[in-house]
N, C-alpha and C. Protein backbone atom coordinates (compact mmCIF):
# COMPACT_ATOMS: atom_id res chain seq x y z
N MET A 1 135.85 -30.15 7.62
CA MET A 1 134.72 -31.08 7.73
C MET A 1 135.23 -32.50 7.96
N PRO A 2 134.43 -33.32 8.66
CA PRO A 2 134.82 -34.71 8.86
C PRO A 2 134.95 -35.46 7.53
N LYS A 3 135.66 -36.58 7.54
CA LYS A 3 135.87 -37.36 6.32
C LYS A 3 134.70 -38.34 6.11
N PHE A 4 133.51 -37.94 6.51
CA PHE A 4 132.31 -38.74 6.30
C PHE A 4 131.14 -37.76 6.29
N SER A 5 129.97 -38.23 5.93
CA SER A 5 128.82 -37.34 5.85
C SER A 5 128.11 -37.25 7.19
N PRO A 6 128.19 -36.10 7.89
CA PRO A 6 127.47 -35.94 9.15
C PRO A 6 125.96 -36.17 8.98
N LYS A 7 125.42 -35.75 7.84
CA LYS A 7 123.98 -35.91 7.59
C LYS A 7 123.60 -37.39 7.56
N LYS A 8 124.40 -38.19 6.83
CA LYS A 8 124.13 -39.64 6.78
C LYS A 8 124.28 -40.27 8.16
N ALA A 9 125.29 -39.81 8.90
CA ALA A 9 125.54 -40.37 10.24
C ALA A 9 124.33 -40.12 11.15
N VAL A 10 123.84 -38.89 11.15
CA VAL A 10 122.71 -38.53 12.01
C VAL A 10 121.45 -39.28 11.58
N GLU A 11 121.24 -39.41 10.28
CA GLU A 11 120.07 -40.15 9.78
C GLU A 11 120.15 -41.62 10.20
N HIS A 12 121.34 -42.20 10.11
CA HIS A 12 121.53 -43.60 10.48
C HIS A 12 121.27 -43.82 11.98
N LEU A 13 121.84 -42.96 12.80
CA LEU A 13 121.68 -43.10 14.25
C LEU A 13 120.22 -42.93 14.67
N SER A 14 119.53 -41.98 14.06
CA SER A 14 118.12 -41.74 14.39
C SER A 14 117.25 -42.93 13.98
N ALA A 15 117.62 -43.54 12.83
CA ALA A 15 116.81 -44.66 12.31
C ALA A 15 117.04 -45.96 13.08
N THR A 16 118.25 -46.15 13.60
CA THR A 16 118.57 -47.44 14.23
C THR A 16 118.38 -47.44 15.74
N ASP A 17 118.20 -46.25 16.35
CA ASP A 17 118.13 -46.18 17.81
C ASP A 17 117.26 -44.98 18.21
N SER A 18 116.05 -45.28 18.71
CA SER A 18 115.11 -44.19 19.04
C SER A 18 115.62 -43.33 20.18
N VAL A 19 116.36 -43.92 21.13
CA VAL A 19 116.91 -43.14 22.25
C VAL A 19 117.94 -42.14 21.72
N MET A 20 118.81 -42.62 20.83
CA MET A 20 119.80 -41.73 20.21
C MET A 20 119.08 -40.67 19.39
N GLY A 21 118.01 -41.05 18.73
CA GLY A 21 117.23 -40.09 17.96
C GLY A 21 116.69 -38.97 18.84
N ASP A 22 116.24 -39.32 20.05
CA ASP A 22 115.75 -38.30 20.99
C ASP A 22 116.88 -37.35 21.40
N ILE A 23 118.07 -37.92 21.67
CA ILE A 23 119.22 -37.09 22.04
C ILE A 23 119.57 -36.13 20.91
N ILE A 24 119.59 -36.65 19.69
CA ILE A 24 119.92 -35.82 18.52
C ILE A 24 118.91 -34.68 18.40
N GLY A 25 117.63 -34.99 18.64
CA GLY A 25 116.59 -33.96 18.57
C GLY A 25 116.81 -32.85 19.59
N ARG A 26 117.27 -33.23 20.80
CA ARG A 26 117.51 -32.24 21.85
C ARG A 26 118.77 -31.43 21.60
N VAL A 27 119.84 -32.10 21.16
CA VAL A 27 121.15 -31.45 21.04
C VAL A 27 121.25 -30.60 19.78
N GLY A 28 120.67 -31.10 18.68
CA GLY A 28 120.74 -30.36 17.42
C GLY A 28 121.84 -30.86 16.51
N ALA A 29 122.33 -29.98 15.64
CA ALA A 29 123.27 -30.38 14.58
C ALA A 29 124.60 -30.85 15.16
N PHE A 30 125.23 -31.79 14.46
CA PHE A 30 126.55 -32.30 14.80
C PHE A 30 127.60 -31.27 14.40
N LYS A 31 128.35 -30.76 15.38
CA LYS A 31 129.33 -29.69 15.12
C LYS A 31 130.69 -30.04 15.71
N PRO A 32 131.46 -30.90 15.02
CA PRO A 32 132.79 -31.24 15.53
C PRO A 32 133.76 -30.09 15.33
N ASN A 33 134.76 -30.01 16.20
CA ASN A 33 135.82 -29.01 16.02
C ASN A 33 136.81 -29.50 14.97
N PRO A 34 137.30 -28.62 14.10
CA PRO A 34 138.30 -29.05 13.12
C PRO A 34 139.60 -29.43 13.82
N PRO A 35 140.34 -30.41 13.28
CA PRO A 35 141.60 -30.80 13.91
C PRO A 35 142.62 -29.68 13.85
N LYS A 36 143.51 -29.64 14.87
CA LYS A 36 144.55 -28.61 14.92
C LYS A 36 145.93 -29.26 14.85
N GLY A 37 146.79 -28.69 14.01
CA GLY A 37 148.20 -29.08 14.03
C GLY A 37 148.48 -30.48 13.51
N THR A 38 149.70 -30.92 13.77
CA THR A 38 150.18 -32.23 13.30
C THR A 38 149.80 -33.31 14.32
N PRO A 39 149.91 -34.59 13.92
CA PRO A 39 149.69 -35.66 14.90
C PRO A 39 150.58 -35.53 16.14
N PHE A 40 151.84 -35.11 15.95
CA PHE A 40 152.73 -34.93 17.10
C PHE A 40 152.19 -33.85 18.03
N ASP A 41 151.74 -32.72 17.45
CA ASP A 41 151.15 -31.65 18.27
C ASP A 41 149.98 -32.19 19.09
N ALA A 42 149.12 -32.96 18.44
CA ALA A 42 147.91 -33.45 19.10
C ALA A 42 148.26 -34.38 20.26
N LEU A 43 149.23 -35.25 20.07
CA LEU A 43 149.60 -36.19 21.12
C LEU A 43 150.33 -35.48 22.26
N LEU A 44 151.16 -34.51 21.92
CA LEU A 44 151.85 -33.70 22.94
C LEU A 44 150.81 -32.98 23.81
N ARG A 45 149.81 -32.38 23.16
CA ARG A 45 148.74 -31.71 23.90
C ARG A 45 147.99 -32.69 24.80
N ALA A 46 147.72 -33.87 24.26
CA ALA A 46 146.96 -34.87 25.02
C ALA A 46 147.69 -35.25 26.30
N ILE A 47 149.01 -35.42 26.20
CA ILE A 47 149.81 -35.76 27.39
C ILE A 47 149.77 -34.62 28.40
N ILE A 48 149.94 -33.39 27.93
CA ILE A 48 149.94 -32.23 28.84
C ILE A 48 148.59 -32.11 29.55
N TYR A 49 147.51 -32.37 28.84
CA TYR A 49 146.17 -32.16 29.40
C TYR A 49 145.72 -33.28 30.34
N GLN A 50 146.42 -34.41 30.36
CA GLN A 50 146.02 -35.52 31.23
C GLN A 50 145.99 -35.09 32.70
N GLN A 51 144.88 -35.40 33.38
CA GLN A 51 144.74 -35.23 34.82
C GLN A 51 144.93 -33.78 35.30
N LEU A 52 144.68 -32.82 34.41
CA LEU A 52 144.75 -31.41 34.79
C LEU A 52 143.45 -30.74 34.37
N SER A 53 143.10 -29.65 35.02
CA SER A 53 141.99 -28.84 34.54
C SER A 53 142.37 -28.24 33.20
N GLY A 54 141.37 -27.95 32.38
CA GLY A 54 141.64 -27.39 31.06
C GLY A 54 142.44 -26.10 31.14
N LYS A 55 142.11 -25.27 32.15
CA LYS A 55 142.79 -23.97 32.29
C LYS A 55 144.27 -24.16 32.64
N ALA A 56 144.55 -25.04 33.60
CA ALA A 56 145.95 -25.28 34.01
C ALA A 56 146.76 -25.86 32.85
N ALA A 57 146.15 -26.82 32.14
CA ALA A 57 146.86 -27.47 31.03
C ALA A 57 147.12 -26.47 29.91
N ALA A 58 146.12 -25.61 29.63
CA ALA A 58 146.29 -24.61 28.56
C ALA A 58 147.42 -23.64 28.91
N THR A 59 147.55 -23.29 30.18
CA THR A 59 148.62 -22.40 30.62
C THR A 59 149.98 -23.04 30.36
N ILE A 60 150.13 -24.29 30.76
CA ILE A 60 151.40 -25.00 30.57
C ILE A 60 151.70 -25.16 29.08
N HIS A 61 150.68 -25.54 28.32
CA HIS A 61 150.88 -25.71 26.87
C HIS A 61 151.29 -24.39 26.22
N GLY A 62 150.66 -23.30 26.64
CA GLY A 62 151.01 -21.98 26.11
C GLY A 62 152.43 -21.59 26.43
N ARG A 63 152.85 -21.87 27.67
CA ARG A 63 154.23 -21.56 28.07
C ARG A 63 155.24 -22.38 27.25
N LEU A 64 154.88 -23.64 27.00
CA LEU A 64 155.77 -24.50 26.21
C LEU A 64 155.94 -23.94 24.80
N GLU A 65 154.84 -23.54 24.17
CA GLU A 65 154.94 -22.97 22.82
C GLU A 65 155.71 -21.64 22.85
N ASN A 66 155.49 -20.84 23.89
CA ASN A 66 156.22 -19.57 24.01
C ASN A 66 157.73 -19.80 24.12
N HIS A 67 158.10 -20.90 24.78
CA HIS A 67 159.52 -21.24 24.93
C HIS A 67 160.15 -21.47 23.55
N PHE A 68 159.32 -21.92 22.59
CA PHE A 68 159.83 -22.17 21.23
C PHE A 68 159.37 -21.09 20.25
N GLY A 69 159.25 -19.86 20.77
CA GLY A 69 158.94 -18.73 19.91
C GLY A 69 157.48 -18.65 19.49
N GLY A 70 156.61 -19.26 20.27
CA GLY A 70 155.19 -19.17 19.97
C GLY A 70 154.69 -20.20 18.98
N ARG A 71 155.52 -21.21 18.70
CA ARG A 71 155.08 -22.27 17.77
C ARG A 71 155.12 -23.63 18.47
N PRO A 72 154.36 -24.60 17.94
CA PRO A 72 154.42 -25.95 18.53
C PRO A 72 155.80 -26.56 18.32
N PRO A 73 156.38 -27.16 19.35
CA PRO A 73 157.70 -27.78 19.18
C PRO A 73 157.65 -29.06 18.36
N ALA A 74 158.68 -29.30 17.59
CA ALA A 74 158.85 -30.55 16.86
C ALA A 74 159.55 -31.56 17.78
N PRO A 75 159.53 -32.85 17.42
CA PRO A 75 160.21 -33.85 18.26
C PRO A 75 161.67 -33.47 18.57
N GLY A 76 162.39 -32.98 17.54
CA GLY A 76 163.79 -32.61 17.74
C GLY A 76 163.96 -31.47 18.73
N ASP A 77 163.00 -30.56 18.75
CA ASP A 77 163.06 -29.44 19.72
C ASP A 77 162.98 -29.96 21.15
N ILE A 78 162.05 -30.88 21.38
CA ILE A 78 161.88 -31.44 22.73
C ILE A 78 163.15 -32.17 23.17
N LEU A 79 163.72 -32.94 22.24
CA LEU A 79 164.90 -33.74 22.59
C LEU A 79 166.13 -32.86 22.82
N ALA A 80 166.21 -31.73 22.14
CA ALA A 80 167.39 -30.86 22.24
C ALA A 80 167.32 -29.88 23.40
N THR A 81 166.18 -29.82 24.08
CA THR A 81 166.00 -28.84 25.15
C THR A 81 166.28 -29.48 26.51
N PRO A 82 167.13 -28.86 27.34
CA PRO A 82 167.43 -29.43 28.66
C PRO A 82 166.15 -29.63 29.49
N ASP A 83 166.17 -30.68 30.29
CA ASP A 83 165.01 -31.00 31.11
C ASP A 83 164.58 -29.83 31.99
N GLU A 84 165.57 -29.13 32.58
CA GLU A 84 165.21 -28.05 33.51
C GLU A 84 164.46 -26.92 32.79
N ASP A 85 164.79 -26.70 31.51
CA ASP A 85 164.07 -25.68 30.74
C ASP A 85 162.63 -26.10 30.50
N LEU A 86 162.43 -27.37 30.19
CA LEU A 86 161.08 -27.86 29.95
C LEU A 86 160.28 -27.91 31.27
N ARG A 87 160.96 -28.25 32.33
CA ARG A 87 160.28 -28.29 33.64
C ARG A 87 159.83 -26.88 34.06
N SER A 88 160.57 -25.88 33.59
CA SER A 88 160.28 -24.51 34.02
C SER A 88 158.92 -24.00 33.50
N VAL A 89 158.36 -24.66 32.49
CA VAL A 89 157.05 -24.23 31.98
C VAL A 89 155.90 -24.81 32.81
N GLY A 90 156.24 -25.72 33.74
CA GLY A 90 155.22 -26.28 34.61
C GLY A 90 154.99 -27.77 34.43
N LEU A 91 155.81 -28.41 33.62
CA LEU A 91 155.66 -29.85 33.41
C LEU A 91 156.18 -30.62 34.62
N SER A 92 155.42 -31.64 35.03
CA SER A 92 155.91 -32.53 36.09
C SER A 92 157.01 -33.42 35.52
N ARG A 93 157.78 -34.04 36.41
CA ARG A 93 158.84 -34.95 35.94
C ARG A 93 158.23 -36.09 35.12
N GLN A 94 157.09 -36.59 35.58
CA GLN A 94 156.44 -37.70 34.88
C GLN A 94 155.98 -37.29 33.48
N LYS A 95 155.32 -36.13 33.39
CA LYS A 95 154.85 -35.66 32.08
C LYS A 95 156.04 -35.40 31.15
N LEU A 96 157.12 -34.84 31.71
CA LEU A 96 158.30 -34.59 30.91
C LEU A 96 158.86 -35.90 30.35
N SER A 97 158.89 -36.95 31.18
CA SER A 97 159.39 -38.25 30.70
C SER A 97 158.50 -38.78 29.58
N TYR A 98 157.19 -38.53 29.66
CA TYR A 98 156.28 -38.97 28.60
C TYR A 98 156.53 -38.21 27.30
N LEU A 99 156.72 -36.88 27.41
CA LEU A 99 156.96 -36.08 26.21
C LEU A 99 158.28 -36.46 25.55
N LYS A 100 159.30 -36.72 26.37
CA LYS A 100 160.60 -37.14 25.81
C LYS A 100 160.46 -38.49 25.09
N ASP A 101 159.69 -39.40 25.69
CA ASP A 101 159.50 -40.71 25.07
C ASP A 101 158.76 -40.58 23.75
N LEU A 102 157.72 -39.74 23.73
CA LEU A 102 156.99 -39.48 22.49
C LEU A 102 157.92 -38.91 21.43
N ALA A 103 158.72 -37.91 21.83
CA ALA A 103 159.63 -37.26 20.87
C ALA A 103 160.68 -38.25 20.35
N GLU A 104 161.25 -39.06 21.26
CA GLU A 104 162.26 -40.05 20.84
C GLU A 104 161.68 -41.04 19.84
N LYS A 105 160.48 -41.55 20.15
CA LYS A 105 159.88 -42.58 19.27
C LYS A 105 159.43 -41.96 17.94
N ALA A 106 158.98 -40.70 17.97
CA ALA A 106 158.60 -40.03 16.72
C ALA A 106 159.83 -39.74 15.87
N GLU A 107 160.90 -39.28 16.52
CA GLU A 107 162.13 -38.91 15.79
C GLU A 107 162.80 -40.14 15.18
N SER A 108 162.80 -41.24 15.93
CA SER A 108 163.48 -42.45 15.46
C SER A 108 162.64 -43.23 14.45
N GLY A 109 161.34 -42.94 14.42
CA GLY A 109 160.45 -43.71 13.55
C GLY A 109 159.91 -44.96 14.20
N ALA A 110 160.26 -45.18 15.49
CA ALA A 110 159.72 -46.34 16.21
C ALA A 110 158.20 -46.27 16.25
N VAL A 111 157.67 -45.06 16.33
CA VAL A 111 156.24 -44.82 16.16
C VAL A 111 156.10 -43.86 14.98
N ALA A 112 155.53 -44.36 13.89
CA ALA A 112 155.42 -43.56 12.66
C ALA A 112 154.17 -42.70 12.72
N LEU A 113 154.35 -41.38 12.86
CA LEU A 113 153.21 -40.48 12.95
C LEU A 113 152.74 -40.02 11.58
N HIS A 114 153.60 -40.17 10.57
CA HIS A 114 153.18 -39.84 9.20
C HIS A 114 152.65 -41.12 8.55
N GLY A 115 151.58 -40.99 7.83
CA GLY A 115 151.00 -42.17 7.19
C GLY A 115 150.04 -42.93 8.06
N LEU A 116 149.66 -42.34 9.21
CA LEU A 116 148.71 -43.03 10.09
C LEU A 116 147.37 -43.28 9.41
N ASP A 117 147.02 -42.41 8.45
CA ASP A 117 145.73 -42.56 7.77
C ASP A 117 145.62 -43.88 7.01
N ARG A 118 146.76 -44.49 6.75
CA ARG A 118 146.73 -45.77 6.02
C ARG A 118 146.46 -46.95 6.95
N LEU A 119 146.50 -46.73 8.27
CA LEU A 119 146.33 -47.81 9.24
C LEU A 119 144.90 -47.87 9.77
N GLY A 120 144.49 -49.06 10.19
CA GLY A 120 143.20 -49.21 10.85
C GLY A 120 143.25 -48.69 12.28
N ASP A 121 142.07 -48.49 12.87
CA ASP A 121 142.00 -47.91 14.22
C ASP A 121 142.79 -48.73 15.24
N GLU A 122 142.57 -50.04 15.27
CA GLU A 122 143.24 -50.88 16.28
C GLU A 122 144.75 -50.91 16.07
N ASP A 123 145.19 -50.86 14.81
CA ASP A 123 146.64 -50.82 14.54
C ASP A 123 147.25 -49.52 15.07
N ILE A 124 146.51 -48.43 14.93
CA ILE A 124 147.00 -47.14 15.45
C ILE A 124 147.05 -47.18 16.98
N ILE A 125 146.04 -47.78 17.60
CA ILE A 125 146.04 -47.91 19.06
C ILE A 125 147.25 -48.73 19.51
N MET A 126 147.50 -49.84 18.84
CA MET A 126 148.65 -50.68 19.20
C MET A 126 149.97 -49.93 19.05
N SER A 127 150.09 -49.12 17.98
CA SER A 127 151.32 -48.38 17.73
C SER A 127 151.54 -47.28 18.77
N LEU A 128 150.53 -46.46 18.98
CA LEU A 128 150.72 -45.28 19.83
C LEU A 128 150.78 -45.60 21.32
N THR A 129 150.17 -46.70 21.73
CA THR A 129 150.25 -47.05 23.16
C THR A 129 151.62 -47.61 23.54
N GLN A 130 152.53 -47.70 22.57
CA GLN A 130 153.93 -48.00 22.92
C GLN A 130 154.59 -46.81 23.63
N VAL A 131 154.02 -45.63 23.45
CA VAL A 131 154.58 -44.42 24.06
C VAL A 131 154.16 -44.36 25.53
N LYS A 132 155.11 -44.07 26.41
CA LYS A 132 154.80 -43.94 27.83
C LYS A 132 153.75 -42.84 28.04
N GLY A 133 152.76 -43.13 28.85
CA GLY A 133 151.76 -42.11 29.18
C GLY A 133 150.63 -42.01 28.18
N ILE A 134 150.67 -42.80 27.10
CA ILE A 134 149.57 -42.80 26.13
C ILE A 134 148.86 -44.14 26.21
N GLY A 135 147.62 -44.10 26.66
CA GLY A 135 146.81 -45.32 26.78
C GLY A 135 145.73 -45.37 25.71
N ARG A 136 144.91 -46.39 25.80
CA ARG A 136 143.87 -46.63 24.81
C ARG A 136 142.93 -45.42 24.67
N TRP A 137 142.49 -44.85 25.82
CA TRP A 137 141.55 -43.73 25.77
C TRP A 137 142.15 -42.54 25.03
N THR A 138 143.42 -42.22 25.31
CA THR A 138 144.08 -41.09 24.66
C THR A 138 144.13 -41.28 23.15
N VAL A 139 144.45 -42.51 22.72
CA VAL A 139 144.51 -42.76 21.28
C VAL A 139 143.11 -42.69 20.65
N GLN A 140 142.11 -43.14 21.39
CA GLN A 140 140.74 -43.03 20.86
C GLN A 140 140.35 -41.57 20.65
N MET A 141 140.71 -40.69 21.59
CA MET A 141 140.44 -39.26 21.40
C MET A 141 141.18 -38.73 20.16
N PHE A 142 142.40 -39.20 19.97
CA PHE A 142 143.21 -38.82 18.81
C PHE A 142 142.53 -39.29 17.51
N LEU A 143 142.05 -40.53 17.52
CA LEU A 143 141.35 -41.07 16.34
C LEU A 143 140.11 -40.25 16.01
N MET A 144 139.37 -39.87 17.06
CA MET A 144 138.10 -39.17 16.86
C MET A 144 138.31 -37.73 16.41
N PHE A 145 139.21 -37.02 17.08
CA PHE A 145 139.28 -35.58 16.90
C PHE A 145 140.41 -35.10 16.01
N THR A 146 141.49 -35.88 15.89
CA THR A 146 142.58 -35.49 15.00
C THR A 146 142.46 -36.18 13.65
N LEU A 147 142.28 -37.50 13.66
CA LEU A 147 142.14 -38.22 12.40
C LEU A 147 140.69 -38.26 11.90
N GLN A 148 139.75 -37.85 12.76
CA GLN A 148 138.33 -37.78 12.40
C GLN A 148 137.79 -39.11 11.87
N ARG A 149 138.15 -40.19 12.56
CA ARG A 149 137.61 -41.50 12.22
C ARG A 149 136.15 -41.57 12.67
N PRO A 150 135.26 -42.10 11.85
CA PRO A 150 133.82 -42.03 12.14
C PRO A 150 133.30 -43.05 13.14
N ASP A 151 134.06 -44.12 13.37
CA ASP A 151 133.46 -45.25 14.11
C ASP A 151 134.28 -45.66 15.33
N VAL A 152 134.53 -44.69 16.21
CA VAL A 152 135.30 -44.95 17.43
C VAL A 152 134.37 -44.81 18.64
N LEU A 153 134.38 -45.81 19.51
CA LEU A 153 133.60 -45.76 20.75
C LEU A 153 134.57 -45.84 21.92
N PRO A 154 134.77 -44.75 22.66
CA PRO A 154 135.68 -44.79 23.81
C PRO A 154 135.00 -45.44 25.02
N GLU A 155 135.08 -46.75 25.05
CA GLU A 155 134.32 -47.52 26.04
C GLU A 155 134.80 -47.32 27.47
N LEU A 156 136.00 -46.76 27.64
CA LEU A 156 136.54 -46.51 28.98
C LEU A 156 136.15 -45.13 29.50
N ASP A 157 135.51 -44.31 28.67
CA ASP A 157 135.23 -42.92 29.03
C ASP A 157 134.06 -42.84 30.02
N LEU A 158 134.31 -42.22 31.17
CA LEU A 158 133.28 -42.15 32.22
C LEU A 158 132.09 -41.29 31.79
N GLY A 159 132.35 -40.25 30.98
CA GLY A 159 131.26 -39.42 30.50
C GLY A 159 130.31 -40.20 29.61
N ILE A 160 130.86 -41.02 28.72
CA ILE A 160 130.03 -41.85 27.85
C ILE A 160 129.24 -42.86 28.67
N GLN A 161 129.91 -43.47 29.65
CA GLN A 161 129.22 -44.45 30.50
C GLN A 161 128.05 -43.80 31.25
N LYS A 162 128.31 -42.61 31.79
CA LYS A 162 127.26 -41.90 32.53
C LYS A 162 126.10 -41.51 31.62
N ALA A 163 126.43 -41.01 30.43
CA ALA A 163 125.38 -40.60 29.49
C ALA A 163 124.52 -41.78 29.06
N VAL A 164 125.13 -42.92 28.84
CA VAL A 164 124.37 -44.12 28.44
C VAL A 164 123.47 -44.58 29.59
N LYS A 165 124.00 -44.56 30.81
CA LYS A 165 123.18 -44.94 31.97
C LYS A 165 121.92 -44.08 32.06
N LEU A 166 122.11 -42.75 31.90
CA LEU A 166 120.98 -41.83 32.01
C LEU A 166 120.02 -41.97 30.82
N ALA A 167 120.57 -42.01 29.61
CA ALA A 167 119.73 -42.03 28.41
C ALA A 167 118.93 -43.32 28.29
N TYR A 168 119.55 -44.43 28.69
CA TYR A 168 118.90 -45.73 28.51
C TYR A 168 118.29 -46.25 29.81
N ASP A 169 118.28 -45.37 30.83
CA ASP A 169 117.64 -45.68 32.11
C ASP A 169 118.14 -47.00 32.69
N LEU A 170 119.46 -47.15 32.74
CA LEU A 170 120.08 -48.38 33.27
C LEU A 170 120.19 -48.28 34.79
N PRO A 171 120.13 -49.41 35.50
CA PRO A 171 120.22 -49.38 36.96
C PRO A 171 121.59 -48.95 37.47
N GLU A 172 122.65 -49.16 36.67
CA GLU A 172 123.99 -48.76 37.06
C GLU A 172 124.82 -48.42 35.82
N MET A 173 125.98 -47.85 36.05
CA MET A 173 126.85 -47.48 34.92
C MET A 173 127.23 -48.74 34.14
N PRO A 174 127.13 -48.72 32.83
CA PRO A 174 127.53 -49.90 32.04
C PRO A 174 129.04 -50.10 32.10
N LYS A 175 129.44 -51.36 32.19
CA LYS A 175 130.87 -51.68 32.12
C LYS A 175 131.32 -51.54 30.67
N PRO A 176 132.64 -51.36 30.44
CA PRO A 176 133.12 -51.17 29.06
C PRO A 176 132.61 -52.22 28.08
N LYS A 177 132.61 -53.49 28.48
CA LYS A 177 132.14 -54.55 27.57
C LYS A 177 130.65 -54.39 27.26
N GLU A 178 129.88 -53.98 28.25
CA GLU A 178 128.45 -53.76 28.04
C GLU A 178 128.23 -52.57 27.11
N LEU A 179 129.07 -51.56 27.25
CA LEU A 179 128.96 -50.37 26.41
C LEU A 179 129.23 -50.74 24.95
N VAL A 180 130.21 -51.61 24.73
CA VAL A 180 130.53 -52.05 23.37
C VAL A 180 129.33 -52.75 22.74
N VAL A 181 128.64 -53.57 23.53
CA VAL A 181 127.46 -54.29 23.03
C VAL A 181 126.35 -53.29 22.68
N ILE A 182 126.09 -52.35 23.59
CA ILE A 182 125.06 -51.33 23.34
C ILE A 182 125.41 -50.53 22.09
N GLY A 183 126.71 -50.24 21.92
CA GLY A 183 127.15 -49.41 20.81
C GLY A 183 127.13 -50.08 19.45
N GLU A 184 126.89 -51.39 19.42
CA GLU A 184 126.83 -52.09 18.13
C GLU A 184 125.82 -51.45 17.19
N ARG A 185 124.71 -50.96 17.76
CA ARG A 185 123.64 -50.40 16.92
C ARG A 185 124.04 -49.07 16.28
N TRP A 186 125.12 -48.45 16.78
CA TRP A 186 125.53 -47.15 16.25
C TRP A 186 126.54 -47.26 15.12
N LYS A 187 127.07 -48.46 14.90
CA LYS A 187 128.04 -48.63 13.80
C LYS A 187 127.39 -48.23 12.48
N PRO A 188 128.12 -47.64 11.55
CA PRO A 188 129.55 -47.29 11.56
C PRO A 188 129.81 -45.83 11.95
N TYR A 189 128.99 -45.31 12.88
CA TYR A 189 129.12 -43.91 13.26
C TYR A 189 129.20 -43.75 14.78
N ARG A 190 130.00 -44.59 15.42
CA ARG A 190 130.06 -44.53 16.88
C ARG A 190 130.75 -43.27 17.40
N THR A 191 131.61 -42.65 16.58
CA THR A 191 132.20 -41.36 16.95
C THR A 191 131.10 -40.30 17.10
N VAL A 192 130.19 -40.26 16.15
CA VAL A 192 129.11 -39.28 16.17
C VAL A 192 128.17 -39.55 17.35
N ALA A 193 127.87 -40.84 17.59
CA ALA A 193 127.04 -41.20 18.74
C ALA A 193 127.70 -40.74 20.04
N SER A 194 129.01 -40.92 20.15
CA SER A 194 129.75 -40.51 21.35
C SER A 194 129.67 -39.00 21.54
N TRP A 195 129.83 -38.27 20.44
CA TRP A 195 129.73 -36.80 20.51
C TRP A 195 128.37 -36.39 21.06
N TYR A 196 127.30 -37.03 20.58
CA TYR A 196 125.96 -36.70 21.07
C TYR A 196 125.78 -37.09 22.54
N LEU A 197 126.36 -38.20 22.94
CA LEU A 197 126.25 -38.62 24.34
C LEU A 197 126.95 -37.61 25.26
N TRP A 198 128.12 -37.13 24.88
CA TRP A 198 128.80 -36.11 25.68
C TRP A 198 127.96 -34.84 25.76
N ARG A 199 127.42 -34.42 24.62
CA ARG A 199 126.60 -33.20 24.60
C ARG A 199 125.35 -33.36 25.46
N SER A 200 124.82 -34.57 25.54
CA SER A 200 123.58 -34.80 26.29
C SER A 200 123.75 -34.53 27.78
N LEU A 201 125.00 -34.52 28.27
CA LEU A 201 125.27 -34.27 29.68
C LEU A 201 125.37 -32.77 29.98
N GLU A 202 125.43 -31.95 28.96
CA GLU A 202 125.66 -30.51 29.18
C GLU A 202 124.36 -29.79 29.55
C-alpha cells in the first residue's frame, strides 16, 4: 500500500477540483502497483525502458536478468561484466554507458541509493540526475512508483499534458509551467491526480 491514505487523497481531490472529481468518478478506485525490487533495480529498469516499446524493453531486461542466473544484477555485477556480454542481451552502446555510470556511482556512493527516504523530492532529483541518462522525468517516475511519494507532478510528461488539455477543455497543450500552476489545487496528492489523468486517457 502507498505510504499515505488513498481514501483521503481521493476525497481531497474530489473536494478541491470538480473536473478531477468527474475523472475519479469515471475511473474508479485508485489502484497503484506495488513497488518492485531495490532502488538500483528500479533505475536500471527505467534506463532500459527509455525510448523502447514495453515489449522490446521487457525482452532485454529479461535477458539481462537471465545472464545473472535469473536475478536482478547488483552494481558490482554490472561493473564486473565485460561490455560485449552486456551488449549481447540487446543493450545499445549508449544504454550500456548509462547502466555502467549508474553502477559506478551506486557502488562508489557518489549517488547514495540507500537512505533516499530521508531526502526530499527535489534533493533526490538533484542527486539521481547526476547519472548519465537519468533526467528529471525518470526520477519523478521513480519517486511516484518506487518511493511512493504522494505529491509528485511530472510536468514534462506528454500524457499528463494531453489529459489536462482534454479534461479542462484547453485550446492547446499546457506548457510545463502552466501545468504546475493548474496542479497547485491537487497538492498534497499530485501523484494520485497524475495517476487519474493517465487513466482518463485509456
